[in-house]
């Protein structure tokens, strides 16, 4: 099937096209076998793949199972599964998501002076990441959160006590997320 870069490019081409061709089917069957939660995604068996809009209004891969149920899957997870540290970091982002959304109501925002990653590193340094329980794996669950709301609140309070958030332009946002900058 080629390199991870070639596989990622093919996935993006399929999603951009918006439909799955006959020659894409075997590629997707092989790809999904690399998903860290393949058994959950497969369920009773895969009938076919299709493309559907995600909650972020972009095209995503979906599976129709032989029992009629559906689930989505991330091709990125098939190519490079998240580490435990990345999952905990994502749970921390979920803990502050509502606060960030309130601040972003008029446009794009970014951490200023202290990047998110530095705030996260300060908070996590005395924690045992293996003991930080995350929400269980569920079908169609795209948000990773802490099981214990007190841990989420602890990170939220810590973050909000030192974070400085500023409005940025769409161009600055693009540079932060797609360019070579340390601020996130």
C-alpha atoms as a PDB file:
ATOM      1  CA  UNK A   1       0.000   0.000   0.000  1.00  0.00           C
ATOM      2  CA  UNK A   2       2.987   2.340   0.111  1.00  0.00           C
ATOM      3  CA  UNK A   3       4.406   4.725   2.656  1.00  0.00           C
ATOM      4  CA  UNK A   4       2.409   6.530   5.333  1.00  0.00           C
ATOM      5  CA  UNK A   5       2.775   9.760   3.344  1.00  0.00           C
ATOM      6  CA  UNK A   6       1.436   8.073   0.200  1.00  0.00           C
ATOM      7  CA  UNK A   7      -1.445   6.531   2.181  1.00  0.00           C
ATOM      8  CA  UNK A   8      -2.317   9.879   3.738  1.00  0.00           C
ATOM      9  CA  UNK A   9      -2.289  11.548   0.328  1.00  0.00           C
ATOM     10  CA  UNK A  10      -4.571   8.858  -1.083  1.00  0.00           C
ATOM     11  CA  UNK A  11      -6.997   9.259   1.826  1.00  0.00           C
ATOM     12  CA  UNK A  12      -7.087  13.021   1.288  1.00  0.00           C
ATOM     13  CA  UNK A  13      -7.669  12.541  -2.448  1.00  0.00           C
ATOM     14  CA  UNK A  14     -10.594  10.181  -1.781  1.00  0.00           C
ATOM     15  CA  UNK A  15     -12.134  12.569   0.756  1.00  0.00           C
ATOM     16  CA  UNK A  16     -11.648  15.583  -1.529  1.00  0.00           C
ATOM     17  CA  UNK A  17     -13.279  13.679  -4.395  1.00  0.00           C
ATOM     18  CA  UNK A  18     -16.216  12.919  -2.098  1.00  0.00           C
ATOM     19  CA  UNK A  19     -16.882   9.358  -3.229  1.00  0.00           C
ATOM     20  CA  UNK A  20     -15.305   5.948  -2.903  1.00  0.00           C
ATOM     21  CA  UNK A  21     -14.429   4.224  -6.148  1.00  0.00           C
ATOM     22  CA  UNK A  22     -14.141   0.465  -6.664  1.00  0.00           C
ATOM     23  CA  UNK A  23     -10.327   0.669  -6.556  1.00  0.00           C
ATOM     24  CA  UNK A  24     -10.491   2.444  -3.156  1.00  0.00           C
ATOM     25  CA  UNK A  25     -12.368  -0.343  -1.362  1.00  0.00           C
ATOM     26  CA  UNK A  26      -9.469  -2.765  -0.798  1.00  0.00           C
ATOM     27  CA  UNK A  27      -7.207   0.155   0.192  1.00  0.00           C
ATOM     28  CA  UNK A  28      -9.705   1.201   2.904  1.00  0.00           C
ATOM     29  CA  UNK A  29     -10.175  -2.403   4.120  1.00  0.00           C
ATOM     30  CA  UNK A  30      -6.413  -2.716   4.589  1.00  0.00           C
ATOM     31  CA  UNK A  31      -6.137   0.755   6.143  1.00  0.00           C
ATOM     32  CA  UNK A  32      -8.812   0.207   8.813  1.00  0.00           C
ATOM     33  CA  UNK A  33      -7.024  -2.938  10.030  1.00  0.00           C
ATOM     34  CA  UNK A  34      -4.331  -0.594  11.428  1.00  0.00           C
ATOM     35  CA  UNK A  35      -6.789   1.414  13.544  1.00  0.00           C
ATOM     36  CA  UNK A  36      -5.986   0.982  17.277  1.00  0.00           C
ATOM     37  CA  UNK A  37      -9.681   0.231  17.876  1.00  0.00           C
ATOM     38  CA  UNK A  38     -10.194  -1.956  14.810  1.00  0.00           C
ATOM     39  CA  UNK A  39     -12.363  -4.517  16.619  1.00  0.00           C
ATOM     40  CA  UNK A  40     -14.738  -1.804  17.839  1.00  0.00           C
ATOM     41  CA  UNK A  41     -14.864  -0.179  14.411  1.00  0.00           C
ATOM     42  CA  UNK A  42     -15.394  -3.519  12.634  1.00  0.00           C
ATOM     43  CA  UNK A  43     -18.208  -4.639  14.945  1.00  0.00           C
ATOM     44  CA  UNK A  44     -20.042  -7.628  13.460  1.00  0.00           C
ATOM     45  CA  UNK A  45     -18.317  -6.997  10.127  1.00  0.00           C
ATOM     46  CA  UNK A  46     -17.823  -4.268   7.549  1.00  0.00           C
ATOM     47  CA  UNK A  47     -20.335  -4.100   4.738  1.00  0.00           C
ATOM     48  CA  UNK A  48     -18.924  -1.043   2.978  1.00  0.00           C
ATOM     49  CA  UNK A  49     -17.237   2.356   3.386  1.00  0.00           C
ATOM     50  CA  UNK A  50     -18.789   5.717   2.581  1.00  0.00           C
ATOM     51  CA  UNK A  51     -18.063   9.416   2.987  1.00  0.00           C
ATOM     52  CA  UNK A  52     -20.159  11.661   5.202  1.00  0.00           C
ATOM     53  CA  UNK A  53     -19.745  15.136   6.655  1.00  0.00           C
ATOM     54  CA  UNK A  54     -18.216  15.269  10.122  1.00  0.00           C
ATOM     55  CA  UNK A  55     -19.313  17.539  12.956  1.00  0.00           C
ATOM     56  CA  UNK A  56     -16.728  20.022  11.607  1.00  0.00           C
ATOM     57  CA  UNK A  57     -18.427  19.990   8.189  1.00  0.00           C
ATOM     58  CA  UNK A  58     -15.598  18.281   6.337  1.00  0.00           C
ATOM     59  CA  UNK A  59     -15.684  14.888   4.627  1.00  0.00           C
ATOM     60  CA  UNK A  60     -14.879  11.897   6.809  1.00  0.00           C
ATOM     61  CA  UNK A  61     -14.683   8.149   6.340  1.00  0.00           C
ATOM     62  CA  UNK A  62     -17.574   6.064   7.646  1.00  0.00           C
ATOM     63  CA  UNK A  63     -18.246   2.349   7.880  1.00  0.00           C
ATOM     64  CA  UNK A  64     -21.596   0.669   7.308  1.00  0.00           C
ATOM     65  CA  UNK A  65     -21.558  -2.612   9.222  1.00  0.00           C
ATOM     66  CA  UNK A  66     -23.363  -5.780   8.204  1.00  0.00           C
ATOM     67  CA  UNK A  67     -25.784  -5.277  11.131  1.00  0.00           C
ATOM     68  CA  UNK A  68     -26.776  -1.873   9.693  1.00  0.00           C
ATOM     69  CA  UNK A  69     -24.942   0.227  12.288  1.00  0.00           C
ATOM     70  CA  UNK A  70     -22.520   2.974  11.275  1.00  0.00           C
ATOM     71  CA  UNK A  71     -19.371   4.462  12.706  1.00  0.00           C
ATOM     72  CA  UNK A  72     -16.722   6.884  11.592  1.00  0.00           C
ATOM     73  CA  UNK A  73     -12.975   6.338  11.632  1.00  0.00           C
ATOM     74  CA  UNK A  74      -9.926   8.542  11.468  1.00  0.00           C
ATOM     75  CA  UNK A  75      -7.459   7.611   8.764  1.00  0.00           C
ATOM     76  CA  UNK A  76      -4.843   9.500  10.797  1.00  0.00           C
ATOM     77  CA  UNK A  77      -5.385   7.047  13.668  1.00  0.00           C
ATOM     78  CA  UNK A  78      -4.775   4.198  11.206  1.00  0.00           C
ATOM     79  CA  UNK A  79      -1.517   5.756  10.040  1.00  0.00           C
ATOM     80  CA  UNK A  80      -0.165   7.160  13.301  1.00  0.00           C
ATOM     81  CA  UNK A  81      -2.166   6.305  16.433  1.00  0.00           C
ATOM     82  CA  UNK A  82      -2.129   8.817  19.296  1.00  0.00           C
ATOM     83  CA  UNK A  83       0.151   8.121  22.222  1.00  0.00           C
ATOM     84  CA  UNK A  84      -1.152   8.115  25.787  1.00  0.00           C
ATOM     85  CA  UNK A  85       0.452  11.524  26.322  1.00  0.00           C
ATOM     86  CA  UNK A  86      -1.324  12.908  23.244  1.00  0.00           C
ATOM     87  CA  UNK A  87      -4.646  11.567  24.516  1.00  0.00           C
ATOM     88  CA  UNK A  88      -4.139  13.223  27.916  1.00  0.00           C
ATOM     89  CA  UNK A  89      -3.207  16.465  26.156  1.00  0.00           C
ATOM     90  CA  UNK A  90      -6.411  16.204  24.111  1.00  0.00           C
ATOM     91  CA  UNK A  91      -8.423  15.646  27.314  1.00  0.00           C
ATOM     92  CA  UNK A  92      -6.851  18.841  28.684  1.00  0.00           C
ATOM     93  CA  UNK A  93      -7.899  20.722  25.560  1.00  0.00           C
ATOM     94  CA  UNK A  94     -11.426  19.343  26.041  1.00  0.00           C
ATOM     95  CA  UNK A  95     -11.390  20.613  29.638  1.00  0.00           C
ATOM     96  CA  UNK A  96     -10.865  24.194  28.428  1.00  0.00           C
ATOM     97  CA  UNK A  97     -12.874  23.957  25.194  1.00  0.00           C
ATOM     98  CA  UNK A  98     -15.937  25.800  26.492  1.00  0.00           C
ATOM     99  CA  UNK A  99     -13.833  28.652  27.903  1.00  0.00           C
ATOM    100  CA  UNK A 100     -11.921  28.938  24.639  1.00  0.00           C
ATOM    101  CA  UNK A 101     -15.147  28.913  22.598  1.00  0.00           C
ATOM    102  CA  UNK A 102     -16.510  31.790  24.665  1.00  0.00           C
ATOM    103  CA  UNK A 103     -13.365  33.800  23.998  1.00  0.00           C
ATOM    104  CA  UNK A 104     -13.400  32.902  20.297  1.00  0.00           C
ATOM    105  CA  UNK A 105     -16.961  34.044  19.648  1.00  0.00           C
ATOM    106  CA  UNK A 106     -15.779  36.817  17.329  1.00  0.00           C
ATOM    107  CA  UNK A 107     -12.957  35.033  15.531  1.00  0.00           C
ATOM    108  CA  UNK A 108      -9.693  33.211  15.952  1.00  0.00           C
ATOM    109  CA  UNK A 109      -7.757  33.117  19.217  1.00  0.00           C
ATOM    110  CA  UNK A 110      -4.380  31.840  20.369  1.00  0.00           C
ATOM    111  CA  UNK A 111      -2.378  31.451  23.525  1.00  0.00           C
ATOM    112  CA  UNK A 112      -0.145  34.488  24.002  1.00  0.00           C
ATOM    113  CA  UNK A 113       3.108  34.636  26.015  1.00  0.00           C
ATOM    114  CA  UNK A 114       2.773  31.063  27.327  1.00  0.00           C
ATOM    115  CA  UNK A 115       1.813  28.489  24.643  1.00  0.00           C
ATOM    116  CA  UNK A 116      -0.683  25.767  25.541  1.00  0.00           C
ATOM    117  CA  UNK A 117       2.012  23.096  25.400  1.00  0.00           C
ATOM    118  CA  UNK A 118       4.040  24.874  28.095  1.00  0.00           C
ATOM    119  CA  UNK A 119       0.962  25.202  30.305  1.00  0.00           C
ATOM    120  CA  UNK A 120       0.226  21.513  29.766  1.00  0.00           C
ATOM    121  CA  UNK A 121       3.834  20.534  30.551  1.00  0.00           C
ATOM    122  CA  UNK A 122       3.784  22.524  33.804  1.00  0.00           C
ATOM    123  CA  UNK A 123       0.533  20.880  34.885  1.00  0.00           C
ATOM    124  CA  UNK A 124       1.431  17.317  33.887  1.00  0.00           C
ATOM    125  CA  UNK A 125       4.972  17.243  35.338  1.00  0.00           C
ATOM    126  CA  UNK A 126       3.892  15.831  38.717  1.00  0.00           C
ATOM    127  CA  UNK A 127       1.103  13.599  37.394  1.00  0.00           C
ATOM    128  CA  UNK A 128       1.174   9.917  36.539  1.00  0.00           C
ATOM    129  CA  UNK A 129      -0.435   9.918  33.093  1.00  0.00           C
ATOM    130  CA  UNK A 130      -1.283   6.219  33.337  1.00  0.00           C
ATOM    131  CA  UNK A 131      -3.539   6.945  36.328  1.00  0.00           C
ATOM    132  CA  UNK A 132      -5.441   9.752  34.593  1.00  0.00           C
ATOM    133  CA  UNK A 133      -8.534   7.910  33.402  1.00  0.00           C
ATOM    134  CA  UNK A 134     -10.076   8.980  30.134  1.00  0.00           C
ATOM    135  CA  UNK A 135     -13.582   8.421  28.858  1.00  0.00           C
ATOM    136  CA  UNK A 136     -14.090   4.905  27.586  1.00  0.00           C
ATOM    137  CA  UNK A 137     -13.959   4.081  23.948  1.00  0.00           C
ATOM    138  CA  UNK A 138     -17.395   4.362  22.453  1.00  0.00           C
ATOM    139  CA  UNK A 139     -18.665   4.179  18.928  1.00  0.00           C
ATOM    140  CA  UNK A 140     -18.735   7.579  17.235  1.00  0.00           C
ATOM    141  CA  UNK A 141     -16.993   9.213  20.208  1.00  0.00           C
ATOM    142  CA  UNK A 142     -14.710  11.943  18.915  1.00  0.00           C
ATOM    143  CA  UNK A 143     -14.082  13.859  22.121  1.00  0.00           C
ATOM    144  CA  UNK A 144     -11.479  12.608  24.587  1.00  0.00           C
ATOM    145  CA  UNK A 145     -12.186  13.736  28.156  1.00  0.00           C
ATOM    146  CA  UNK A 146     -11.137  12.889  31.688  1.00  0.00           C
ATOM    147  CA  UNK A 147     -13.482  10.468  33.455  1.00  0.00           C
ATOM    148  CA  UNK A 148     -13.039  12.404  36.675  1.00  0.00           C
ATOM    149  CA  UNK A 149     -14.494  15.895  36.346  1.00  0.00           C
ATOM    150  CA  UNK A 150     -12.284  17.041  39.243  1.00  0.00           C
ATOM    151  CA  UNK A 151      -9.177  16.375  37.153  1.00  0.00           C
ATOM    152  CA  UNK A 152     -10.667  18.271  34.225  1.00  0.00           C
ATOM    153  CA  UNK A 153     -11.542  21.154  36.552  1.00  0.00           C
ATOM    154  CA  UNK A 154      -8.041  21.079  38.056  1.00  0.00           C
ATOM    155  CA  UNK A 155      -6.473  21.498  34.627  1.00  0.00           C
ATOM    156  CA  UNK A 156      -9.046  24.130  33.632  1.00  0.00           C
ATOM    157  CA  UNK A 157      -8.332  26.206  36.755  1.00  0.00           C
ATOM    158  CA  UNK A 158      -4.571  25.826  36.331  1.00  0.00           C
ATOM    159  CA  UNK A 159      -4.764  26.791  32.655  1.00  0.00           C
ATOM    160  CA  UNK A 160      -7.040  29.758  33.218  1.00  0.00           C
ATOM    161  CA  UNK A 161      -4.875  31.068  36.050  1.00  0.00           C
ATOM    162  CA  UNK A 162      -1.835  31.556  33.778  1.00  0.00           C
ATOM    163  CA  UNK A 163      -3.082  31.544  30.172  1.00  0.00           C
ATOM    164  CA  UNK A 164      -3.253  34.748  28.226  1.00  0.00           C
ATOM    165  CA  UNK A 165      -5.501  34.481  25.195  1.00  0.00           C
ATOM    166  CA  UNK A 166      -5.522  36.971  22.342  1.00  0.00           C
ATOM    167  CA  UNK A 167      -7.514  37.429  19.163  1.00  0.00           C
ATOM    168  CA  UNK A 168      -5.611  36.718  15.968  1.00  0.00           C
ATOM    169  CA  UNK A 169      -6.279  37.056  12.264  1.00  0.00           C
ATOM    170  CA  UNK A 170      -7.205  34.073  10.081  1.00  0.00           C
ATOM    171  CA  UNK A 171      -3.741  34.362   8.513  1.00  0.00           C
ATOM    172  CA  UNK A 172      -2.053  34.163  11.931  1.00  0.00           C
ATOM    173  CA  UNK A 173      -4.253  31.172  12.801  1.00  0.00           C
ATOM    174  CA  UNK A 174      -3.201  29.422   9.594  1.00  0.00           C
ATOM    175  CA  UNK A 175       0.460  30.154  10.312  1.00  0.00           C
ATOM    176  CA  UNK A 176       0.200  28.784  13.848  1.00  0.00           C
ATOM    177  CA  UNK A 177      -1.493  25.571  12.772  1.00  0.00           C
ATOM    178  CA  UNK A 178       0.228  24.984   9.446  1.00  0.00           C
ATOM    179  CA  UNK A 179       3.448  26.995   9.593  1.00  0.00           C
ATOM    180  CA  UNK A 180       6.636  26.799  11.608  1.00  0.00           C
ATOM    181  CA  UNK A 181       5.752  28.528  14.833  1.00  0.00           C
ATOM    182  CA  UNK A 182       5.900  27.375  18.447  1.00  0.00           C
ATOM    183  CA  UNK A 183       2.719  29.122  19.584  1.00  0.00           C
ATOM    184  CA  UNK A 184      -0.324  26.828  19.779  1.00  0.00           C
END
